[in-house]
N, C-alpha and C. Protein backbone atom coordinates (compact mmCIF):
# COMPACT_ATOMS: atom_id res chain seq x y z
N MET A 1 40.05 -90.45 -11.64
CA MET A 1 38.67 -89.63 -11.92
C MET A 1 38.69 -89.42 -13.45
N SER A 2 37.48 -89.55 -13.95
CA SER A 2 37.12 -89.38 -15.31
C SER A 2 37.05 -87.94 -15.70
N ARG A 3 37.01 -87.50 -16.96
CA ARG A 3 36.78 -86.19 -17.27
C ARG A 3 35.42 -85.74 -16.91
N ALA A 4 34.48 -86.69 -17.16
CA ALA A 4 32.94 -86.43 -16.76
C ALA A 4 32.92 -86.19 -15.35
N ASP A 5 33.67 -86.91 -14.47
CA ASP A 5 33.70 -86.68 -13.03
C ASP A 5 34.23 -85.38 -12.80
N ASP A 6 35.34 -84.95 -13.44
CA ASP A 6 35.96 -83.48 -13.20
C ASP A 6 34.95 -82.47 -13.58
N LEU A 7 34.40 -82.58 -14.76
CA LEU A 7 33.32 -81.69 -15.18
C LEU A 7 32.24 -81.57 -14.26
N ARG A 8 31.79 -82.65 -13.69
CA ARG A 8 30.68 -82.57 -12.75
C ARG A 8 31.12 -81.83 -11.46
N ARG A 9 32.41 -82.05 -10.99
CA ARG A 9 33.00 -81.28 -9.95
C ARG A 9 32.96 -79.79 -10.15
N VAL A 10 33.41 -79.50 -11.45
CA VAL A 10 33.44 -78.03 -11.83
C VAL A 10 32.12 -77.44 -11.72
N GLU A 11 31.16 -78.13 -12.24
CA GLU A 11 29.72 -77.62 -12.29
C GLU A 11 29.23 -77.47 -10.79
N GLN A 12 29.50 -78.35 -9.91
CA GLN A 12 29.04 -78.39 -8.63
C GLN A 12 29.73 -77.23 -7.83
N ALA A 13 31.01 -77.03 -8.15
CA ALA A 13 31.76 -75.91 -7.50
C ALA A 13 31.23 -74.43 -7.92
N ILE A 14 30.92 -74.30 -9.18
CA ILE A 14 30.34 -73.07 -9.71
C ILE A 14 28.93 -72.80 -9.11
N THR A 15 28.14 -73.93 -8.91
CA THR A 15 26.85 -73.87 -8.38
C THR A 15 26.99 -73.44 -6.95
N ARG A 16 27.91 -74.08 -6.18
CA ARG A 16 28.13 -73.71 -4.80
C ARG A 16 28.54 -72.27 -4.73
N ILE A 17 29.48 -71.74 -5.49
CA ILE A 17 29.91 -70.39 -5.47
C ILE A 17 28.74 -69.44 -5.68
N GLN A 18 28.00 -69.88 -6.59
CA GLN A 18 26.84 -68.90 -7.04
C GLN A 18 25.81 -68.97 -5.80
N GLN A 19 25.54 -70.02 -5.19
CA GLN A 19 24.66 -70.06 -3.98
C GLN A 19 25.24 -69.20 -2.90
N ILE A 20 26.53 -69.30 -2.68
CA ILE A 20 27.18 -68.68 -1.57
C ILE A 20 27.13 -67.13 -1.78
N GLY A 21 27.48 -66.67 -3.12
CA GLY A 21 27.46 -65.33 -3.52
C GLY A 21 26.16 -64.69 -3.70
N THR A 22 25.21 -65.30 -4.23
CA THR A 22 23.95 -64.68 -4.44
C THR A 22 22.83 -65.26 -3.76
N GLY A 23 22.95 -66.10 -2.78
CA GLY A 23 21.83 -66.69 -2.07
C GLY A 23 21.19 -65.67 -1.14
N ARG A 24 20.07 -66.15 -0.72
CA ARG A 24 19.30 -65.22 0.29
C ARG A 24 20.10 -64.96 1.49
N GLU A 25 20.77 -66.05 2.17
CA GLU A 25 21.51 -65.84 3.39
C GLU A 25 22.68 -64.84 3.15
N ALA A 26 23.36 -64.97 2.05
CA ALA A 26 24.45 -64.16 1.69
C ALA A 26 23.92 -62.72 1.61
N ALA A 27 22.81 -62.52 0.96
CA ALA A 27 22.35 -61.14 0.75
C ALA A 27 22.00 -60.57 2.05
N ARG A 28 21.32 -61.39 2.95
CA ARG A 28 21.01 -60.95 4.22
C ARG A 28 22.11 -60.42 5.10
N ARG A 29 23.28 -61.33 5.01
CA ARG A 29 24.39 -60.98 5.80
C ARG A 29 25.05 -59.61 5.27
N ARG A 30 25.17 -59.43 3.91
CA ARG A 30 25.59 -58.30 3.41
C ARG A 30 24.73 -57.05 3.80
N ALA A 31 23.41 -57.12 3.74
CA ALA A 31 22.45 -56.07 4.08
C ALA A 31 22.74 -55.66 5.54
N ASP A 32 22.75 -56.83 6.39
CA ASP A 32 23.01 -56.57 7.84
C ASP A 32 24.18 -55.85 8.07
N ARG A 33 25.31 -56.29 7.44
CA ARG A 33 26.63 -55.64 7.59
C ARG A 33 26.68 -54.21 7.12
N ALA A 34 25.90 -53.87 6.08
CA ALA A 34 25.84 -52.60 5.43
C ALA A 34 24.85 -51.67 6.28
N GLY A 35 24.06 -52.31 7.05
CA GLY A 35 22.90 -51.52 7.79
C GLY A 35 21.82 -51.04 6.90
N VAL A 36 21.57 -51.88 5.86
CA VAL A 36 20.66 -51.67 4.75
C VAL A 36 19.61 -52.59 4.72
N ASN A 37 18.33 -52.35 4.84
CA ASN A 37 17.30 -53.37 4.95
C ASN A 37 16.68 -53.43 3.48
N VAL A 38 17.36 -54.13 2.58
CA VAL A 38 16.94 -54.47 1.23
C VAL A 38 17.28 -55.79 0.92
N GLY A 39 16.43 -56.39 0.12
CA GLY A 39 16.63 -57.87 -0.41
C GLY A 39 17.50 -57.86 -1.72
N ARG A 40 17.63 -59.00 -2.22
CA ARG A 40 18.47 -59.21 -3.34
C ARG A 40 17.79 -58.42 -4.70
N PRO A 41 16.53 -58.59 -4.96
CA PRO A 41 15.97 -57.87 -6.07
C PRO A 41 16.22 -56.38 -5.93
N ALA A 42 15.98 -55.82 -4.72
CA ALA A 42 16.15 -54.32 -4.55
C ALA A 42 17.64 -53.95 -4.84
N VAL A 43 18.56 -54.70 -4.35
CA VAL A 43 19.94 -54.51 -4.53
C VAL A 43 20.26 -54.43 -5.92
N ALA A 44 19.65 -55.36 -6.77
CA ALA A 44 19.85 -55.43 -8.26
C ALA A 44 19.37 -54.17 -8.84
N VAL A 45 18.17 -53.67 -8.49
CA VAL A 45 17.59 -52.37 -8.94
C VAL A 45 18.54 -51.28 -8.59
N LEU A 46 18.90 -51.21 -7.46
CA LEU A 46 19.80 -50.08 -6.99
C LEU A 46 21.16 -50.07 -7.71
N GLY A 47 21.62 -51.33 -7.96
CA GLY A 47 22.99 -51.40 -8.63
C GLY A 47 22.68 -50.94 -10.13
N ALA A 48 21.64 -51.32 -10.80
CA ALA A 48 21.54 -50.93 -12.10
C ALA A 48 21.37 -49.50 -12.27
N LEU A 49 20.60 -48.92 -11.36
CA LEU A 49 20.43 -47.36 -11.36
C LEU A 49 21.70 -46.68 -11.06
N ASN A 50 22.53 -47.25 -10.22
CA ASN A 50 23.85 -46.73 -9.90
C ASN A 50 24.73 -46.75 -11.13
N ARG A 51 24.81 -47.79 -11.81
CA ARG A 51 25.60 -48.10 -13.01
C ARG A 51 25.13 -47.22 -14.28
N HIS A 52 23.84 -47.20 -14.53
CA HIS A 52 23.21 -46.61 -15.73
C HIS A 52 22.59 -45.25 -15.53
N GLY A 53 22.37 -44.84 -14.38
CA GLY A 53 21.41 -43.65 -14.14
C GLY A 53 19.99 -43.95 -14.23
N PRO A 54 19.16 -42.90 -14.32
CA PRO A 54 17.69 -43.08 -14.30
C PRO A 54 17.31 -43.98 -15.53
N LEU A 55 16.38 -44.98 -15.29
CA LEU A 55 15.94 -45.91 -16.26
C LEU A 55 14.43 -46.13 -16.32
N ARG A 56 14.01 -46.49 -17.46
CA ARG A 56 12.61 -46.98 -17.54
C ARG A 56 12.49 -48.30 -16.89
N LEU A 57 11.23 -48.74 -16.51
CA LEU A 57 11.14 -49.97 -15.87
C LEU A 57 11.57 -51.20 -16.76
N SER A 58 11.22 -51.00 -18.06
CA SER A 58 11.68 -52.13 -19.09
C SER A 58 13.29 -52.29 -19.08
N SER A 59 13.95 -51.19 -19.14
CA SER A 59 15.35 -51.18 -18.90
C SER A 59 15.88 -51.72 -17.68
N LEU A 60 15.24 -51.43 -16.66
CA LEU A 60 15.62 -52.08 -15.25
C LEU A 60 15.46 -53.68 -15.32
N SER A 61 14.34 -53.99 -15.90
CA SER A 61 14.16 -55.53 -16.16
C SER A 61 15.28 -56.09 -16.92
N ARG A 62 15.66 -55.47 -18.07
CA ARG A 62 16.79 -55.98 -18.92
C ARG A 62 18.03 -56.01 -18.18
N TYR A 63 18.43 -54.91 -17.43
CA TYR A 63 19.64 -54.99 -16.73
C TYR A 63 19.81 -55.80 -15.61
N THR A 64 18.67 -56.03 -14.96
CA THR A 64 18.65 -56.72 -13.67
C THR A 64 18.42 -58.25 -13.87
N GLY A 65 17.79 -58.64 -14.99
CA GLY A 65 17.31 -60.00 -15.36
C GLY A 65 15.98 -60.36 -14.53
N LEU A 66 15.37 -59.38 -13.90
CA LEU A 66 14.23 -59.61 -13.08
C LEU A 66 13.05 -59.42 -13.97
N GLU A 67 12.01 -60.08 -13.74
CA GLU A 67 10.73 -60.01 -14.42
C GLU A 67 9.95 -58.72 -14.14
N ALA A 68 9.17 -58.13 -15.15
CA ALA A 68 8.53 -56.91 -14.96
C ALA A 68 7.70 -56.76 -13.65
N PRO A 69 6.93 -57.84 -13.30
CA PRO A 69 6.05 -57.68 -12.19
C PRO A 69 6.88 -57.50 -10.87
N LEU A 70 8.03 -58.23 -10.76
CA LEU A 70 8.95 -58.08 -9.68
C LEU A 70 9.63 -56.69 -9.68
N ILE A 71 9.99 -56.19 -10.78
CA ILE A 71 10.70 -54.88 -10.90
C ILE A 71 9.62 -53.87 -10.40
N SER A 72 8.24 -53.99 -10.76
CA SER A 72 7.34 -52.98 -10.36
C SER A 72 7.04 -52.99 -8.82
N ARG A 73 7.06 -54.26 -8.28
CA ARG A 73 6.95 -54.30 -6.79
C ARG A 73 8.09 -53.84 -6.06
N GLU A 74 9.32 -54.21 -6.50
CA GLU A 74 10.45 -53.62 -5.79
C GLU A 74 10.55 -52.10 -5.86
N VAL A 75 10.24 -51.48 -7.16
CA VAL A 75 10.28 -50.08 -7.26
C VAL A 75 9.28 -49.39 -6.27
N ARG A 76 8.09 -49.99 -6.21
CA ARG A 76 7.05 -49.41 -5.37
C ARG A 76 7.68 -49.36 -3.83
N ALA A 77 8.37 -50.54 -3.46
CA ALA A 77 8.76 -50.50 -2.07
C ALA A 77 9.96 -49.63 -1.93
N LEU A 78 10.94 -49.51 -2.98
CA LEU A 78 11.96 -48.57 -2.84
C LEU A 78 11.46 -47.19 -2.82
N VAL A 79 10.51 -46.84 -3.65
CA VAL A 79 9.99 -45.53 -3.57
C VAL A 79 9.43 -45.24 -2.17
N ALA A 80 8.64 -46.17 -1.60
CA ALA A 80 8.06 -46.03 -0.20
C ALA A 80 9.29 -45.78 0.81
N ASP A 81 10.32 -46.54 0.56
CA ASP A 81 11.49 -46.32 1.45
C ASP A 81 12.39 -45.08 1.16
N GLY A 82 12.06 -44.28 0.16
CA GLY A 82 12.81 -43.06 -0.16
C GLY A 82 14.18 -43.31 -0.84
N LEU A 83 14.33 -44.51 -1.36
CA LEU A 83 15.55 -44.85 -2.02
C LEU A 83 15.63 -44.58 -3.43
N VAL A 84 14.40 -44.55 -4.03
CA VAL A 84 14.36 -44.20 -5.65
C VAL A 84 13.02 -43.32 -5.66
N THR A 85 13.15 -42.65 -6.85
CA THR A 85 11.93 -41.82 -7.18
C THR A 85 11.37 -42.43 -8.55
N ARG A 86 10.04 -42.32 -8.74
CA ARG A 86 9.43 -42.87 -9.96
C ARG A 86 8.58 -41.76 -10.50
N GLU A 87 8.94 -41.26 -11.68
CA GLU A 87 8.22 -40.16 -12.37
C GLU A 87 7.83 -40.51 -13.79
N ALA A 88 6.78 -39.75 -14.34
CA ALA A 88 6.50 -40.06 -15.73
C ALA A 88 7.65 -39.60 -16.61
N ASP A 89 7.78 -40.42 -17.68
CA ASP A 89 8.81 -40.20 -18.68
C ASP A 89 8.35 -38.92 -19.42
N PRO A 90 9.19 -37.80 -19.54
CA PRO A 90 8.73 -36.66 -20.23
C PRO A 90 8.48 -36.96 -21.68
N GLY A 91 9.14 -37.92 -22.18
CA GLY A 91 8.90 -38.22 -23.67
C GLY A 91 7.82 -39.13 -23.99
N ASP A 92 7.31 -39.90 -23.03
CA ASP A 92 6.28 -40.80 -23.20
C ASP A 92 5.59 -40.99 -21.75
N GLY A 93 4.48 -40.25 -21.59
CA GLY A 93 3.75 -40.24 -20.25
C GLY A 93 3.26 -41.55 -19.91
N ARG A 94 3.31 -42.53 -20.81
CA ARG A 94 2.79 -43.91 -20.34
C ARG A 94 3.88 -44.65 -19.66
N ALA A 95 5.08 -44.24 -19.87
CA ALA A 95 6.21 -44.99 -19.19
C ALA A 95 6.84 -44.11 -17.99
N ALA A 96 7.42 -44.87 -17.12
CA ALA A 96 7.97 -44.15 -15.86
C ALA A 96 9.41 -44.31 -15.97
N ILE A 97 10.09 -43.17 -15.33
CA ILE A 97 11.56 -43.22 -15.20
C ILE A 97 11.80 -43.33 -13.67
N VAL A 98 12.76 -44.34 -13.30
CA VAL A 98 13.16 -44.55 -11.86
C VAL A 98 14.54 -44.07 -11.85
N ALA A 99 14.73 -43.30 -10.68
CA ALA A 99 16.14 -42.81 -10.41
C ALA A 99 16.43 -42.90 -8.93
N LEU A 100 17.74 -43.02 -8.62
CA LEU A 100 18.13 -43.05 -7.24
C LEU A 100 18.01 -41.80 -6.60
N THR A 101 17.66 -41.89 -5.36
CA THR A 101 17.64 -40.61 -4.45
C THR A 101 19.06 -40.61 -3.80
N ALA A 102 19.44 -39.56 -3.01
CA ALA A 102 20.58 -39.56 -2.26
C ALA A 102 20.60 -40.69 -1.25
N ALA A 103 19.56 -41.05 -0.66
CA ALA A 103 19.40 -42.11 0.21
C ALA A 103 19.71 -43.48 -0.43
N GLY A 104 19.16 -43.52 -1.59
CA GLY A 104 19.35 -44.74 -2.40
C GLY A 104 20.92 -44.99 -2.79
N GLU A 105 21.43 -43.80 -3.15
CA GLU A 105 22.87 -43.80 -3.51
C GLU A 105 23.70 -44.30 -2.22
N ASP A 106 23.32 -43.77 -1.10
CA ASP A 106 24.21 -44.09 0.18
C ASP A 106 23.83 -45.58 0.47
N ALA A 107 22.59 -45.99 0.36
CA ALA A 107 22.37 -47.45 0.60
C ALA A 107 23.11 -48.35 -0.24
N TYR A 108 23.11 -48.12 -1.60
CA TYR A 108 23.89 -48.97 -2.53
C TYR A 108 25.43 -48.92 -2.19
N ARG A 109 26.01 -47.70 -1.91
CA ARG A 109 27.33 -47.67 -1.63
C ARG A 109 27.69 -48.42 -0.31
N SER A 110 26.82 -48.29 0.62
CA SER A 110 26.98 -49.20 1.93
C SER A 110 27.01 -50.65 1.60
N TYR A 111 26.03 -51.07 0.83
CA TYR A 111 25.94 -52.47 0.52
C TYR A 111 27.09 -52.95 -0.28
N ARG A 112 27.59 -52.16 -1.30
CA ARG A 112 28.78 -52.44 -2.15
C ARG A 112 29.95 -52.44 -1.22
N LYS A 113 30.06 -51.62 -0.28
CA LYS A 113 31.24 -51.54 0.65
C LYS A 113 31.31 -52.76 1.47
N ALA A 114 30.08 -53.31 2.01
CA ALA A 114 29.99 -54.53 2.82
C ALA A 114 30.43 -55.74 1.98
N THR A 115 30.04 -55.65 0.72
CA THR A 115 30.37 -56.81 -0.27
C THR A 115 31.85 -56.79 -0.47
N ASP A 116 32.42 -55.68 -0.74
CA ASP A 116 33.94 -55.51 -0.94
C ASP A 116 34.60 -56.04 0.21
N GLU A 117 34.19 -55.66 1.41
CA GLU A 117 34.84 -56.21 2.68
C GLU A 117 34.83 -57.70 2.74
N ILE A 118 33.68 -58.30 2.48
CA ILE A 118 33.55 -59.73 2.61
C ILE A 118 34.49 -60.34 1.51
N ILE A 119 34.56 -59.81 0.28
CA ILE A 119 35.46 -60.36 -0.73
C ILE A 119 36.93 -60.24 -0.16
N THR A 120 37.21 -59.10 0.31
CA THR A 120 38.60 -58.89 0.78
C THR A 120 39.00 -59.93 1.84
N GLU A 121 38.09 -60.17 2.82
CA GLU A 121 38.22 -61.16 3.90
C GLU A 121 38.39 -62.62 3.36
N THR A 122 37.53 -62.85 2.41
CA THR A 122 37.61 -64.17 1.78
C THR A 122 38.98 -64.49 1.17
N PHE A 123 39.49 -63.52 0.50
CA PHE A 123 40.69 -63.70 -0.23
C PHE A 123 41.98 -63.18 0.40
N ARG A 124 41.85 -63.02 1.83
CA ARG A 124 43.04 -62.33 2.49
C ARG A 124 44.22 -63.19 2.36
N ALA A 125 44.18 -64.52 2.43
CA ALA A 125 45.41 -65.36 2.39
C ALA A 125 45.85 -65.62 1.06
N TRP A 126 45.32 -65.16 0.00
CA TRP A 126 45.66 -65.45 -1.29
C TRP A 126 46.78 -64.34 -1.84
N SER A 127 47.68 -64.86 -2.52
CA SER A 127 48.79 -63.98 -3.08
C SER A 127 48.37 -63.23 -4.26
N VAL A 128 49.00 -62.31 -4.65
CA VAL A 128 48.65 -61.47 -5.81
C VAL A 128 48.62 -62.42 -7.07
N GLU A 129 49.59 -63.25 -7.14
CA GLU A 129 49.80 -64.19 -8.27
C GLU A 129 48.48 -65.28 -8.26
N GLU A 130 48.17 -65.70 -7.07
CA GLU A 130 47.05 -66.56 -7.05
C GLU A 130 45.77 -65.92 -7.52
N LEU A 131 45.64 -64.71 -7.06
CA LEU A 131 44.31 -63.90 -7.50
C LEU A 131 44.41 -63.62 -8.94
N ASP A 132 45.61 -63.26 -9.51
CA ASP A 132 45.70 -63.19 -10.98
C ASP A 132 45.27 -64.40 -11.73
N ARG A 133 45.80 -65.53 -11.33
CA ARG A 133 45.50 -66.73 -11.96
C ARG A 133 43.93 -67.09 -11.85
N LEU A 134 43.44 -66.83 -10.69
CA LEU A 134 41.84 -67.08 -10.50
C LEU A 134 41.16 -66.22 -11.52
N VAL A 135 41.53 -64.95 -11.63
CA VAL A 135 40.87 -64.00 -12.51
C VAL A 135 40.84 -64.55 -13.89
N VAL A 136 42.07 -64.79 -14.30
CA VAL A 136 42.23 -65.50 -15.68
C VAL A 136 41.33 -66.51 -15.95
N MET A 137 41.34 -67.42 -15.00
CA MET A 137 40.59 -68.71 -15.26
C MET A 137 39.01 -68.39 -15.11
N LEU A 138 38.72 -67.55 -14.23
CA LEU A 138 37.18 -67.32 -14.11
C LEU A 138 36.67 -66.54 -15.25
N GLU A 139 37.49 -65.58 -15.85
CA GLU A 139 37.18 -64.78 -17.03
C GLU A 139 37.09 -65.81 -18.24
N ARG A 140 37.95 -66.78 -18.28
CA ARG A 140 37.81 -67.75 -19.34
C ARG A 140 36.60 -68.68 -19.27
N VAL A 141 36.31 -69.07 -17.99
CA VAL A 141 35.08 -69.84 -17.76
C VAL A 141 33.89 -68.97 -18.24
N ALA A 142 33.80 -67.77 -17.78
CA ALA A 142 32.68 -66.87 -18.21
C ALA A 142 32.55 -66.67 -19.63
N GLY A 143 33.65 -66.53 -20.28
CA GLY A 143 33.67 -66.42 -21.74
C GLY A 143 33.20 -67.59 -22.47
N ASP A 144 33.61 -68.76 -21.90
CA ASP A 144 33.29 -69.97 -22.64
C ASP A 144 31.83 -70.31 -22.38
N PHE A 145 31.28 -70.11 -21.09
CA PHE A 145 29.86 -70.23 -20.98
C PHE A 145 29.07 -69.30 -21.85
N ALA A 146 29.46 -68.05 -22.04
CA ALA A 146 28.70 -67.18 -22.90
C ALA A 146 28.81 -67.58 -24.37
N ALA A 147 29.90 -68.17 -24.71
CA ALA A 147 30.14 -68.56 -26.17
C ALA A 147 29.13 -69.73 -26.48
N VAL A 148 28.91 -70.67 -25.44
CA VAL A 148 27.95 -71.84 -25.61
C VAL A 148 26.53 -71.34 -25.59
N GLY A 149 26.30 -70.35 -24.76
CA GLY A 149 24.95 -69.70 -24.71
C GLY A 149 23.88 -70.46 -24.22
């Protein structure tokens, strides 16, 4: 097999892993397992708020990689579901600040726990050494992709 063939196989494996990990079906399974009725964009919003605290919509867009109209739609739905609040920014009334509610924190924790369980089950048969090697190689891949940009 040629280097070009090997590189094509690497790219296909990365694409397959991405689809398995972030695809609609995977997100639905995690949400079902967690008992949380939210989609991928909503999980991204909840995750960003969990990591960074209350944020403006523009920051949510930057942290999640989602477009502003989708962020606005997701935030409206999350507010309606009681998972986040949206209030005027005290420093700039034209902007809104979005924050997790206690129910939103619980929903995100449940989703995260379900994801962690799936990862644990996936790598159950892997040794510590195998996992260490995988982490090193994946971090190298991520770094090299970021460097090429």
